[in-house]
Amino acid sequence: VWVQDYQLQLVPQLLRELRPDLRIGFFLHIPFPPIELFNRLPWRDGIINGLLGADLVGFQTPGHGSNFLRLARR
């Protein structure tokens, strides 16, 4: 299952809970913010957990991917 764009960032985890057997990919078509900005969001934990429900997460640039990895490792 491919899930695409920011409106659906919670969907991978929701799918994982319903169907753990699925292979889930997510691609974000907008920049993923740096940690300093992302941490200001009141719903940041939900977004990270949602994206971590995917088997594969893709971003437009390596820098955006690095921003996500820094947050996911915390």
C-alpha atoms as a PDB file:
ATOM      1  CA  VAL A   1       0.000   0.000   0.000  1.00  0.00           C
ATOM      2  CA  TRP A   2       1.375   3.402  -0.966  1.00  0.00           C
ATOM      3  CA  VAL A   3       0.281   6.369   1.121  1.00  0.00           C
ATOM      4  CA  GLN A   4       1.181   9.808  -0.163  1.00  0.00           C
ATOM      5  CA  ASP A   5       1.408  13.318   1.238  1.00  0.00           C
ATOM      6  CA  TYR A   6       1.097  15.219   4.463  1.00  0.00           C
ATOM      7  CA  GLN A   7      -2.659  14.883   4.966  1.00  0.00           C
ATOM      8  CA  LEU A   8      -2.191  11.141   5.474  1.00  0.00           C
ATOM      9  CA  GLN A   9       0.823  11.023   7.799  1.00  0.00           C
ATOM     10  CA  LEU A  10      -1.170   9.150  10.470  1.00  0.00           C
ATOM     11  CA  VAL A  11      -2.440   6.488   8.064  1.00  0.00           C
ATOM     12  CA  PRO A  12       0.570   4.103   8.032  1.00  0.00           C
ATOM     13  CA  GLN A  13       0.248   3.366  11.765  1.00  0.00           C
ATOM     14  CA  LEU A  14      -3.543   3.026  11.498  1.00  0.00           C
ATOM     15  CA  LEU A  15      -3.121   0.526   8.658  1.00  0.00           C
ATOM     16  CA  ARG A  16      -0.439  -1.336  10.599  1.00  0.00           C
ATOM     17  CA  GLU A  17      -2.795  -1.759  13.560  1.00  0.00           C
ATOM     18  CA  LEU A  18      -5.561  -3.103  11.316  1.00  0.00           C
ATOM     19  CA  ARG A  19      -3.395  -5.185   8.980  1.00  0.00           C
ATOM     20  CA  PRO A  20       0.074  -6.022  10.326  1.00  0.00           C
ATOM     21  CA  ASP A  21       0.674  -8.181   7.237  1.00  0.00           C
ATOM     22  CA  LEU A  22       0.637  -5.223   4.825  1.00  0.00           C
ATOM     23  CA  ARG A  23       3.751  -3.740   3.284  1.00  0.00           C
ATOM     24  CA  ILE A  24       3.302  -0.003   3.654  1.00  0.00           C
ATOM     25  CA  GLY A  25       5.179   2.808   1.941  1.00  0.00           C
ATOM     26  CA  PHE A  26       4.788   6.527   2.535  1.00  0.00           C
ATOM     27  CA  PHE A  27       6.067   9.439   0.449  1.00  0.00           C
ATOM     28  CA  LEU A  28       5.995  13.053   1.612  1.00  0.00           C
ATOM     29  CA  HIS A  29       5.722  15.577  -1.237  1.00  0.00           C
ATOM     30  CA  ILE A  30       6.549  18.614   0.914  1.00  0.00           C
ATOM     31  CA  PRO A  31       9.665  19.441   2.966  1.00  0.00           C
ATOM     32  CA  PHE A  32      10.019  17.691   6.315  1.00  0.00           C
ATOM     33  CA  PRO A  33      10.940  20.378   8.853  1.00  0.00           C
ATOM     34  CA  PRO A  34      14.088  20.532  10.971  1.00  0.00           C
ATOM     35  CA  ILE A  35      13.829  19.206  14.520  1.00  0.00           C
ATOM     36  CA  GLU A  36      13.684  22.678  16.090  1.00  0.00           C
ATOM     37  CA  LEU A  37      10.548  23.550  14.126  1.00  0.00           C
ATOM     38  CA  PHE A  38       8.916  20.117  14.279  1.00  0.00           C
ATOM     39  CA  ASN A  39       9.185  20.002  18.071  1.00  0.00           C
ATOM     40  CA  ARG A  40       6.869  23.022  18.298  1.00  0.00           C
ATOM     41  CA  LEU A  41       3.951  21.003  16.924  1.00  0.00           C
ATOM     42  CA  PRO A  42       1.524  19.820  19.606  1.00  0.00           C
ATOM     43  CA  TRP A  43       0.724  16.686  17.550  1.00  0.00           C
ATOM     44  CA  ARG A  44       4.376  15.787  16.771  1.00  0.00           C
ATOM     45  CA  ASP A  45       4.267  12.379  18.512  1.00  0.00           C
ATOM     46  CA  GLY A  46       1.256  11.309  16.461  1.00  0.00           C
ATOM     47  CA  ILE A  47       2.972  12.275  13.220  1.00  0.00           C
ATOM     48  CA  ILE A  48       6.199  10.439  14.029  1.00  0.00           C
ATOM     49  CA  ASN A  49       4.340   7.335  15.205  1.00  0.00           C
ATOM     50  CA  GLY A  50       2.132   7.465  12.138  1.00  0.00           C
ATOM     51  CA  LEU A  51       5.107   7.552   9.793  1.00  0.00           C
ATOM     52  CA  LEU A  52       6.944   4.844  11.739  1.00  0.00           C
ATOM     53  CA  GLY A  53       4.053   2.527  10.892  1.00  0.00           C
ATOM     54  CA  ALA A  54       5.393   2.392   7.327  1.00  0.00           C
ATOM     55  CA  ASP A  55       8.000  -0.086   6.101  1.00  0.00           C
ATOM     56  CA  LEU A  56       9.457   2.546   3.797  1.00  0.00           C
ATOM     57  CA  VAL A  57       9.300   6.339   4.114  1.00  0.00           C
ATOM     58  CA  GLY A  58      10.433   8.578   1.256  1.00  0.00           C
ATOM     59  CA  PHE A  59      11.230  12.289   1.089  1.00  0.00           C
ATOM     60  CA  GLN A  60      12.015  14.777  -1.681  1.00  0.00           C
ATOM     61  CA  THR A  61      15.615  15.359  -0.607  1.00  0.00           C
ATOM     62  CA  PRO A  62      18.230  13.625   1.545  1.00  0.00           C
ATOM     63  CA  GLY A  63      18.104  16.607   3.918  1.00  0.00           C
ATOM     64  CA  HIS A  64      14.401  16.102   4.577  1.00  0.00           C
ATOM     65  CA  GLY A  65      15.072  12.420   5.205  1.00  0.00           C
ATOM     66  CA  SER A  66      17.828  13.348   7.652  1.00  0.00           C
ATOM     67  CA  ASN A  67      15.429  15.633   9.523  1.00  0.00           C
ATOM     68  CA  PHE A  68      13.004  12.729   9.908  1.00  0.00           C
ATOM     69  CA  LEU A  69      15.714  10.297  11.004  1.00  0.00           C
ATOM     70  CA  ARG A  70      16.931  12.661  13.710  1.00  0.00           C
ATOM     71  CA  LEU A  71      13.414  12.827  15.134  1.00  0.00           C
ATOM     72  CA  ALA A  72      12.699   9.112  14.777  1.00  0.00           C
ATOM     73  CA  ARG A  73      15.860   8.172  16.674  1.00  0.00           C
ATOM     74  CA  ARG A  74      14.855  10.225  19.730  1.00  0.00           C
END
